C-alpha atoms as a PDB file:
ATOM      1  CA  MET A   1     -37.959 -59.061  39.532  1.00  0.00           C
ATOM      2  CA  VAL A   2     -34.997 -57.984  37.423  1.00  0.00           C
ATOM      3  CA  PHE A   3     -33.365 -60.680  35.323  1.00  0.00           C
ATOM      4  CA  ARG A   4     -29.882 -60.310  33.851  1.00  0.00           C
ATOM      5  CA  GLY A   5     -29.137 -62.234  30.696  1.00  0.00           C
ATOM      6  CA  GLU A   6     -25.919 -63.658  32.098  1.00  0.00           C
ATOM      7  CA  GLN A   7     -27.988 -65.662  34.571  1.00  0.00           C
ATOM      8  CA  LEU A   8     -29.019 -67.833  31.629  1.00  0.00           C
ATOM      9  CA  MET A   9     -25.478 -69.040  31.220  1.00  0.00           C
ATOM     10  CA  GLY A  10     -24.247 -72.137  33.019  1.00  0.00           C
ATOM     11  CA  ASN A  11     -27.035 -74.320  34.344  1.00  0.00           C
ATOM     12  CA  MET A  12     -30.341 -75.378  32.824  1.00  0.00           C
ATOM     13  CA  PHE A  13     -32.711 -78.275  33.294  1.00  0.00           C
ATOM     14  CA  VAL A  14     -34.467 -80.306  30.613  1.00  0.00           C
ATOM     15  CA  GLY A  15     -37.710 -81.747  31.961  1.00  0.00           C
ATOM     16  CA  LEU A  16     -39.800 -84.521  30.412  1.00  0.00           C
ATOM     17  CA  THR A  17     -43.438 -83.760  29.662  1.00  0.00           C
ATOM     18  CA  ASP A  18     -46.396 -84.979  27.604  1.00  0.00           C
ATOM     19  CA  TYR A  19     -47.594 -83.878  24.207  1.00  0.00           C
ATOM     20  CA  ASP A  20     -51.042 -83.065  25.652  1.00  0.00           C
ATOM     21  CA  TRP A  21     -49.497 -80.722  28.237  1.00  0.00           C
ATOM     22  CA  TYR A  22     -47.569 -78.963  25.470  1.00  0.00           C
ATOM     23  CA  CYS A  23     -50.628 -78.647  23.212  1.00  0.00           C
ATOM     24  CA  ASN A  24     -52.888 -77.308  25.972  1.00  0.00           C
ATOM     25  CA  LEU A  25     -50.416 -74.560  26.849  1.00  0.00           C
ATOM     26  CA  LYS A  26     -49.000 -73.726  23.433  1.00  0.00           C
ATOM     27  CA  SER A  27     -52.283 -72.251  22.212  1.00  0.00           C
ATOM     28  CA  GLU A  28     -52.465 -69.888  25.182  1.00  0.00           C
ATOM     29  CA  ASN A  29     -50.512 -66.790  26.071  1.00  0.00           C
ATOM     30  CA  PHE A  30     -49.981 -67.513  29.743  1.00  0.00           C
ATOM     31  CA  ASP A  31     -47.427 -65.545  31.750  1.00  0.00           C
ATOM     32  CA  GLU A  32     -46.591 -68.583  33.896  1.00  0.00           C
ATOM     33  CA  VAL A  33     -47.091 -72.359  33.979  1.00  0.00           C
ATOM     34  CA  ASN A  34     -46.998 -75.075  36.605  1.00  0.00           C
ATOM     35  CA  PHE A  35     -44.739 -77.961  35.580  1.00  0.00           C
ATOM     36  CA  TRP A  36     -46.231 -80.273  38.202  1.00  0.00           C
ATOM     37  CA  ARG A  37     -45.022 -83.634  39.440  1.00  0.00           C
ATOM     38  CA  PRO A  38     -47.238 -86.400  40.830  1.00  0.00           C
ATOM     39  CA  GLY A  39     -44.961 -87.220  43.780  1.00  0.00           C
ATOM     40  CA  SER A  40     -43.346 -85.380  46.666  1.00  0.00           C
ATOM     41  CA  THR A  41     -39.674 -85.473  45.608  1.00  0.00           C
ATOM     42  CA  ALA A  42     -38.287 -81.956  45.958  1.00  0.00           C
ATOM     43  CA  PHE A  43     -36.822 -80.159  42.944  1.00  0.00           C
ATOM     44  CA  ARG A  44     -33.445 -78.563  43.742  1.00  0.00           C
ATOM     45  CA  ALA A  45     -31.802 -78.581  40.314  1.00  0.00           C
ATOM     46  CA  LEU A  46     -32.127 -74.851  39.533  1.00  0.00           C
ATOM     47  CA  ASN A  47     -31.798 -71.421  41.083  1.00  0.00           C
ATOM     48  CA  PRO A  48     -34.393 -68.702  40.470  1.00  0.00           C
ATOM     49  CA  ASN A  49     -34.257 -67.374  36.878  1.00  0.00           C
ATOM     50  CA  ASP A  50     -32.430 -70.439  35.531  1.00  0.00           C
ATOM     51  CA  LEU A  51     -33.641 -71.841  32.228  1.00  0.00           C
ATOM     52  CA  PHE A  52     -36.000 -74.854  32.222  1.00  0.00           C
ATOM     53  CA  LEU A  53     -36.657 -76.595  28.889  1.00  0.00           C
ATOM     54  CA  PHE A  54     -39.543 -78.891  27.919  1.00  0.00           C
ATOM     55  CA  LYS A  55     -38.689 -82.222  26.276  1.00  0.00           C
ATOM     56  CA  LEU A  56     -41.525 -84.370  24.924  1.00  0.00           C
ATOM     57  CA  LYS A  57     -41.631 -88.053  25.745  1.00  0.00           C
ATOM     58  CA  LYS A  58     -41.810 -90.776  23.127  1.00  0.00           C
ATOM     59  CA  PRO A  59     -42.617 -90.944  20.296  1.00  0.00           C
ATOM     60  CA  TYR A  60     -41.694 -87.268  19.778  1.00  0.00           C
ATOM     61  CA  TYR A  61     -38.359 -86.869  21.571  1.00  0.00           C
ATOM     62  CA  ALA A  62     -37.980 -83.120  20.961  1.00  0.00           C
ATOM     63  CA  ILE A  63     -37.315 -79.890  22.850  1.00  0.00           C
ATOM     64  CA  VAL A  64     -40.483 -77.852  22.352  1.00  0.00           C
ATOM     65  CA  GLY A  65     -40.162 -74.801  24.620  1.00  0.00           C
ATOM     66  CA  GLY A  66     -39.199 -73.625  28.060  1.00  0.00           C
ATOM     67  CA  GLY A  67     -39.527 -71.074  30.813  1.00  0.00           C
ATOM     68  CA  PHE A  68     -37.686 -69.559  33.763  1.00  0.00           C
ATOM     69  CA  PHE A  69     -37.613 -71.138  37.185  1.00  0.00           C
ATOM     70  CA  VAL A  70     -39.333 -69.297  40.032  1.00  0.00           C
ATOM     71  CA  LYS A  71     -39.773 -71.806  42.837  1.00  0.00           C
ATOM     72  CA  TYR A  72     -40.590 -75.382  43.725  1.00  0.00           C
ATOM     73  CA  SER A  73     -43.359 -75.924  46.256  1.00  0.00           C
ATOM     74  CA  LEU A  74     -45.271 -78.940  47.508  1.00  0.00           C
ATOM     75  CA  LEU A  75     -48.873 -77.741  47.450  1.00  0.00           C
ATOM     76  CA  PRO A  76     -52.275 -79.149  48.322  1.00  0.00           C
ATOM     77  CA  ILE A  77     -53.820 -80.345  45.072  1.00  0.00           C
ATOM     78  CA  SER A  78     -56.713 -77.920  45.460  1.00  0.00           C
ATOM     79  CA  LEU A  79     -54.370 -74.942  45.876  1.00  0.00           C
ATOM     80  CA  ALA A  80     -52.294 -75.996  42.853  1.00  0.00           C
ATOM     81  CA  TRP A  81     -55.460 -75.844  40.779  1.00  0.00           C
ATOM     82  CA  GLU A  82     -56.833 -72.647  42.357  1.00  0.00           C
ATOM     83  CA  ALA A  83     -53.524 -70.840  41.870  1.00  0.00           C
ATOM     84  CA  PHE A  84     -52.822 -71.928  38.279  1.00  0.00           C
ATOM     85  CA  GLU A  85     -56.022 -73.435  36.835  1.00  0.00           C
ATOM     86  CA  ARG A  86     -55.445 -74.086  33.095  1.00  0.00           C
ATOM     87  CA  LYS A  87     -51.803 -73.086  33.516  1.00  0.00           C
ATOM     88  CA  ASN A  88     -51.420 -76.628  34.866  1.00  0.00           C
ATOM     89  CA  GLY A  89     -51.735 -77.814  31.267  1.00  0.00           C
ATOM     90  CA  THR A  90     -55.254 -79.224  31.557  1.00  0.00           C
ATOM     91  CA  LYS A  91     -58.619 -77.806  30.529  1.00  0.00           C
ATOM     92  CA  ASN A  92     -60.340 -78.245  33.909  1.00  0.00           C
ATOM     93  CA  TYR A  93     -59.881 -79.590  37.422  1.00  0.00           C
ATOM     94  CA  THR A  94     -61.421 -82.973  36.572  1.00  0.00           C
ATOM     95  CA  GLU A  95     -58.843 -83.530  33.839  1.00  0.00           C
ATOM     96  CA  PHE A  96     -56.065 -82.335  36.164  1.00  0.00           C
ATOM     97  CA  ALA A  97     -57.085 -84.763  38.920  1.00  0.00           C
ATOM     98  CA  GLU A  98     -57.490 -87.648  36.475  1.00  0.00           C
ATOM     99  CA  ARG A  99     -54.091 -87.095  34.885  1.00  0.00           C
ATOM    100  CA  LEU A 100     -52.523 -86.876  38.334  1.00  0.00           C
ATOM    101  CA  ARG A 101     -54.204 -90.161  39.313  1.00  0.00           C
ATOM    102  CA  ARG A 102     -52.950 -91.939  36.171  1.00  0.00           C
ATOM    103  CA  TYR A 103     -49.372 -90.836  36.738  1.00  0.00           C
ATOM    104  CA  ARG A 104     -49.497 -91.976  40.344  1.00  0.00           C
ATOM    105  CA  GLU A 105     -50.840 -95.383  39.430  1.00  0.00           C
ATOM    106  CA  LYS A 106     -48.180 -95.770  36.754  1.00  0.00           C
ATOM    107  CA  ASN A 107     -45.377 -94.811  39.169  1.00  0.00           C
ATOM    108  CA  ASN A 108     -46.696 -96.643  42.247  1.00  0.00           C
ATOM    109  CA  ILE A 109     -47.467 -93.431  44.158  1.00  0.00           C
ATOM    110  CA  ASP A 110     -50.298 -93.325  46.674  1.00  0.00           C
ATOM    111  CA  ILE A 111     -53.262 -91.896  44.730  1.00  0.00           C
ATOM    112  CA  SER A 112     -54.743 -90.470  47.926  1.00  0.00           C
ATOM    113  CA  TYR A 113     -51.682 -88.319  48.691  1.00  0.00           C
ATOM    114  CA  PRO A 114     -53.161 -84.796  49.062  1.00  0.00           C
ATOM    115  CA  TYR A 115     -50.170 -82.815  47.734  1.00  0.00           C
ATOM    116  CA  VAL A 116     -48.586 -82.279  44.339  1.00  0.00           C
ATOM    117  CA  GLY A 117     -45.067 -81.077  43.512  1.00  0.00           C
ATOM    118  CA  CYS A 118     -45.135 -77.745  41.662  1.00  0.00           C
ATOM    119  CA  ILE A 119     -42.233 -76.417  39.590  1.00  0.00           C
ATOM    120  CA  ILE A 120     -43.375 -72.863  38.935  1.00  0.00           C
ATOM    121  CA  LEU A 121     -42.052 -71.268  35.738  1.00  0.00           C
ATOM    122  CA  THR A 122     -42.499 -67.726  34.510  1.00  0.00           C
ATOM    123  CA  GLU A 123     -42.600 -66.300  30.966  1.00  0.00           C
ATOM    124  CA  PRO A 124     -42.975 -69.673  29.200  1.00  0.00           C
ATOM    125  CA  PHE A 125     -42.429 -70.036  25.463  1.00  0.00           C
ATOM    126  CA  PHE A 126     -43.494 -72.795  23.073  1.00  0.00           C
ATOM    127  CA  PHE A 127     -42.111 -73.606  19.626  1.00  0.00           C
ATOM    128  CA  GLU A 128     -44.065 -74.532  16.522  1.00  0.00           C
ATOM    129  CA  GLN A 129     -43.376 -78.094  15.382  1.00  0.00           C
ATOM    130  CA  LYS A 130     -41.137 -76.884  12.553  1.00  0.00           C
ATOM    131  CA  ASP A 131     -38.902 -75.299  15.200  1.00  0.00           C
ATOM    132  CA  TRP A 132     -38.661 -78.272  17.523  1.00  0.00           C
ATOM    133  CA  ILE A 133     -35.098 -79.019  18.598  1.00  0.00           C
ATOM    134  CA  ALA A 134     -33.461 -82.434  18.495  1.00  0.00           C
ATOM    135  CA  PRO A 135     -32.889 -83.835  22.005  1.00  0.00           C
ATOM    136  CA  PRO A 136     -29.396 -84.298  23.452  1.00  0.00           C
ATOM    137  CA  ASP A 137     -27.395 -87.108  21.897  1.00  0.00           C
ATOM    138  CA  ASN A 138     -26.251 -88.137  25.359  1.00  0.00           C
ATOM    139  CA  TRP A 139     -29.733 -88.323  26.876  1.00  0.00           C
ATOM    140  CA  PRO A 140     -29.744 -91.228  29.368  1.00  0.00           C
ATOM    141  CA  SER A 141     -32.363 -93.914  28.780  1.00  0.00           C
ATOM    142  CA  SER A 142     -32.854 -94.103  32.539  1.00  0.00           C
ATOM    143  CA  ALA A 143     -34.003 -90.461  32.836  1.00  0.00           C
ATOM    144  CA  VAL A 144     -37.657 -90.386  33.866  1.00  0.00           C
ATOM    145  CA  VAL A 145     -38.064 -86.787  35.060  1.00  0.00           C
ATOM    146  CA  GLY A 146     -35.295 -84.804  33.369  1.00  0.00           C
ATOM    147  CA  LYS A 147     -31.636 -83.886  33.377  1.00  0.00           C
ATOM    148  CA  ASN A 148     -29.370 -80.958  34.286  1.00  0.00           C
ATOM    149  CA  MET A 149     -27.193 -79.640  31.471  1.00  0.00           C
ATOM    150  CA  ASP A 150     -24.335 -77.162  31.197  1.00  0.00           C
ATOM    151  CA  THR A 151     -25.104 -74.418  28.665  1.00  0.00           C
ATOM    152  CA  GLU A 152     -21.431 -73.698  28.076  1.00  0.00           C
ATOM    153  CA  LYS A 153     -20.267 -77.016  26.639  1.00  0.00           C
ATOM    154  CA  GLY A 154     -21.294 -80.072  24.673  1.00  0.00           C
ATOM    155  CA  GLU A 155     -24.942 -80.855  24.023  1.00  0.00           C
ATOM    156  CA  GLY A 156     -26.026 -78.302  26.620  1.00  0.00           C
ATOM    157  CA  LYS A 157     -24.367 -75.522  24.659  1.00  0.00           C
ATOM    158  CA  ARG A 158     -25.898 -76.796  21.425  1.00  0.00           C
ATOM    159  CA  LEU A 159     -29.392 -76.774  22.943  1.00  0.00           C
ATOM    160  CA  PHE A 160     -28.909 -73.341  24.485  1.00  0.00           C
ATOM    161  CA  ASP A 161     -27.682 -71.836  21.209  1.00  0.00           C
ATOM    162  CA  GLU A 162     -30.586 -73.347  19.242  1.00  0.00           C
ATOM    163  CA  VAL A 163     -33.116 -72.034  21.773  1.00  0.00           C
ATOM    164  CA  CYS A 164     -31.583 -68.549  21.532  1.00  0.00           C
ATOM    165  CA  ASP A 165     -31.692 -68.666  17.731  1.00  0.00           C
ATOM    166  CA  ARG A 166     -35.354 -69.666  17.629  1.00  0.00           C
ATOM    167  CA  LEU A 167     -36.427 -67.075  20.163  1.00  0.00           C
ATOM    168  CA  GLN A 168     -34.719 -64.344  18.192  1.00  0.00           C
ATOM    169  CA  ARG A 169     -35.936 -65.550  14.800  1.00  0.00           C
ATOM    170  CA  ASN A 170     -39.542 -65.977  15.842  1.00  0.00           C
ATOM    171  CA  ARG A 171     -39.730 -62.960  18.143  1.00  0.00           C
ATOM    172  CA  VAL A 172     -41.691 -65.084  20.585  1.00  0.00           C
ATOM    173  CA  PHE A 173     -39.861 -63.741  23.617  1.00  0.00           C
ATOM    174  CA  ASN A 174     -39.310 -60.039  23.084  1.00  0.00           C
ATOM    175  CA  GLN A 175     -38.644 -59.485  26.785  1.00  0.00           C
ATOM    176  CA  ILE A 176     -35.294 -61.203  26.332  1.00  0.00           C
ATOM    177  CA  ILE A 177     -34.341 -60.364  22.771  1.00  0.00           C
ATOM    178  CA  ILE A 178     -32.769 -56.950  22.345  1.00  0.00           C
ATOM    179  CA  SER A 179     -33.370 -56.531  18.618  1.00  0.00           C
ATOM    180  CA  ASP A 180     -31.266 -53.413  18.074  1.00  0.00           C
ATOM    181  CA  THR A 181     -28.062 -54.876  19.476  1.00  0.00           C
ATOM    182  CA  ASN A 182     -25.000 -55.052  17.237  1.00  0.00           C
ATOM    183  CA  ILE A 183     -23.496 -57.968  19.078  1.00  0.00           C
ATOM    184  CA  ASN A 184     -23.310 -61.009  16.825  1.00  0.00           C
ATOM    185  CA  ASP A 185     -22.565 -63.792  19.244  1.00  0.00           C
ATOM    186  CA  THR A 186     -25.744 -65.271  20.717  1.00  0.00           C
ATOM    187  CA  LYS A 187     -24.370 -65.723  24.200  1.00  0.00           C
ATOM    188  CA  GLU A 188     -22.915 -62.219  24.233  1.00  0.00           C
ATOM    189  CA  ARG A 189     -26.250 -60.815  23.064  1.00  0.00           C
ATOM    190  CA  TYR A 190     -27.937 -62.413  26.064  1.00  0.00           C
ATOM    191  CA  HIS A 191     -25.068 -61.504  28.345  1.00  0.00           C
ATOM    192  CA  HIS A 192     -25.555 -57.788  27.688  1.00  0.00           C
ATOM    193  CA  SER A 193     -29.353 -57.660  27.801  1.00  0.00           C
ATOM    194  CA  LEU A 194     -31.514 -56.645  30.738  1.00  0.00           C
ATOM    195  CA  VAL A 195     -35.101 -57.791  31.093  1.00  0.00           C
ATOM    196  CA  LYS A 196     -37.723 -58.059  33.796  1.00  0.00           C
ATOM    197  CA  HIS A 197     -39.240 -61.365  34.796  1.00  0.00           C
ATOM    198  CA  ARG A 198     -42.732 -60.725  36.078  1.00  0.00           C
ATOM    199  CA  LEU A 199     -44.372 -63.024  38.577  1.00  0.00           C
ATOM    200  CA  GLY A 200     -47.792 -64.233  37.517  1.00  0.00           C
ATOM    201  CA  LEU A 201     -50.686 -64.155  39.959  1.00  0.00           C
ATOM    202  CA  GLY A 202     -50.415 -67.880  40.637  1.00  0.00           C
ATOM    203  CA  ALA A 203     -46.728 -67.705  41.518  1.00  0.00           C
ATOM    204  CA  PHE A 204     -47.332 -64.618  43.642  1.00  0.00           C
ATOM    205  CA  ARG A 205     -50.091 -66.353  45.578  1.00  0.00           C
ATOM    206  CA  VAL A 206     -47.948 -69.427  46.194  1.00  0.00           C
ATOM    207  CA  LEU A 207     -44.920 -67.397  47.310  1.00  0.00           C
ATOM    208  CA  VAL A 208     -47.029 -65.367  49.738  1.00  0.00           C
ATOM    209  CA  THR A 209     -48.904 -68.324  51.193  1.00  0.00           C
ATOM    210  CA  VAL A 210     -45.687 -70.287  51.652  1.00  0.00           C
ATOM    211  CA  ALA A 211     -43.934 -67.279  53.222  1.00  0.00           C
ATOM    212  CA  TYR A 212     -46.734 -66.950  55.777  1.00  0.00           C
ATOM    213  CA  TYR A 213     -46.952 -70.708  56.393  1.00  0.00           C
ATOM    214  CA  ARG A 214     -50.384 -70.787  54.707  1.00  0.00           C
ATOM    215  CA  ARG A 215     -51.894 -68.540  57.370  1.00  0.00           C
ATOM    216  CA  CYS A 216     -53.531 -65.149  57.012  1.00  0.00           C
ATOM    217  CA  ALA A 217     -51.046 -62.493  58.184  1.00  0.00           C
ATOM    218  CA  ILE A 218     -53.865 -60.649  59.976  1.00  0.00           C
ATOM    219  CA  SER A 219     -56.255 -63.242  61.379  1.00  0.00           C
ATOM    220  CA  GLY A 220     -54.152 -66.390  61.467  1.00  0.00           C
ATOM    221  CA  GLU A 221     -56.810 -68.188  59.388  1.00  0.00           C
ATOM    222  CA  LYS A 222     -55.477 -71.476  57.965  1.00  0.00           C
ATOM    223  CA  THR A 223     -58.333 -72.398  55.617  1.00  0.00           C
ATOM    224  CA  LEU A 224     -56.825 -71.704  52.193  1.00  0.00           C
ATOM    225  CA  PRO A 225     -60.048 -70.810  50.326  1.00  0.00           C
ATOM    226  CA  ALA A 226     -60.786 -68.186  52.977  1.00  0.00           C
ATOM    227  CA  PHE A 227     -57.965 -65.817  52.060  1.00  0.00           C
ATOM    228  CA  GLU A 228     -56.263 -64.242  49.071  1.00  0.00           C
ATOM    229  CA  ALA A 229     -52.741 -62.984  48.484  1.00  0.00           C
ATOM    230  CA  VAL A 230     -52.740 -59.254  47.845  1.00  0.00           C
ATOM    231  CA  HIS A 231     -50.185 -56.541  47.223  1.00  0.00           C
ATOM    232  CA  ILE A 232     -49.850 -54.005  50.037  1.00  0.00           C
END
C-alpha cells in the first residue's frame, strides 16, 4: 500500500481510550493495533490512510499517540483475538474478554453478543508522557467514543501540527519523516513525502476473510480456525 503524505491533510479522528490500553501497547513495537469497540455500531468516520489519534480518558485527558486507518470490521470475538492477540491492548485472551465484558456492562450492551467492533490501524505510534499533547479546547463533554476534526483549521490544525512536530523530533515514525527535506513548513513537508503503509498480518487476515465472506476460497469451509489467509 502506497501512502501519500497529502492524504494526512483534512480529516482525522480522535478516539477515546484507556490508560491501560496505551501502556500495554506503548512498550511494544507492533506494526498494527486493534482499536476495538464493545458494541456493533459501525465506524464510518475515516477513509483508508486517514489519521486516527488516541486520547486518554479522565483523569489524563491527553493525546498520546495514533495510527493510520485501514478498515472497520465487525468480527467474532475469537477471530479478533486470533488475528491481533496482544495488539488488542491486553496481555492475554482472558484479560481481553474480561475488559470487553466490563465495558458492555457499563454501557448496557448484551454481554453475550458474539461480535466486537474492530477499528484496524496500521503503523501505530505512542508518545512518552513528556510529549503528551493537550486535548482540544472545544472537546464536547458528551463525546463518549471520539470526535472528527479538521486538520486544516482551529484545534484540529493545532493537534495535527503538534503530532507532526513530535514525530519528527523523536524520530519515532521514520516511514513518514523525510529527514533530508529542506521544506520548513510541517504540512508541506508531509505533503511532499512518499511512504509505504504496510498491512500487518492481522489486518491482512481480516481483509481476506471478509473479502471471501469468511469462507475458504478453495473448499468453502466456514469454520474460521480451520483456515489461514495466505499470499498467493
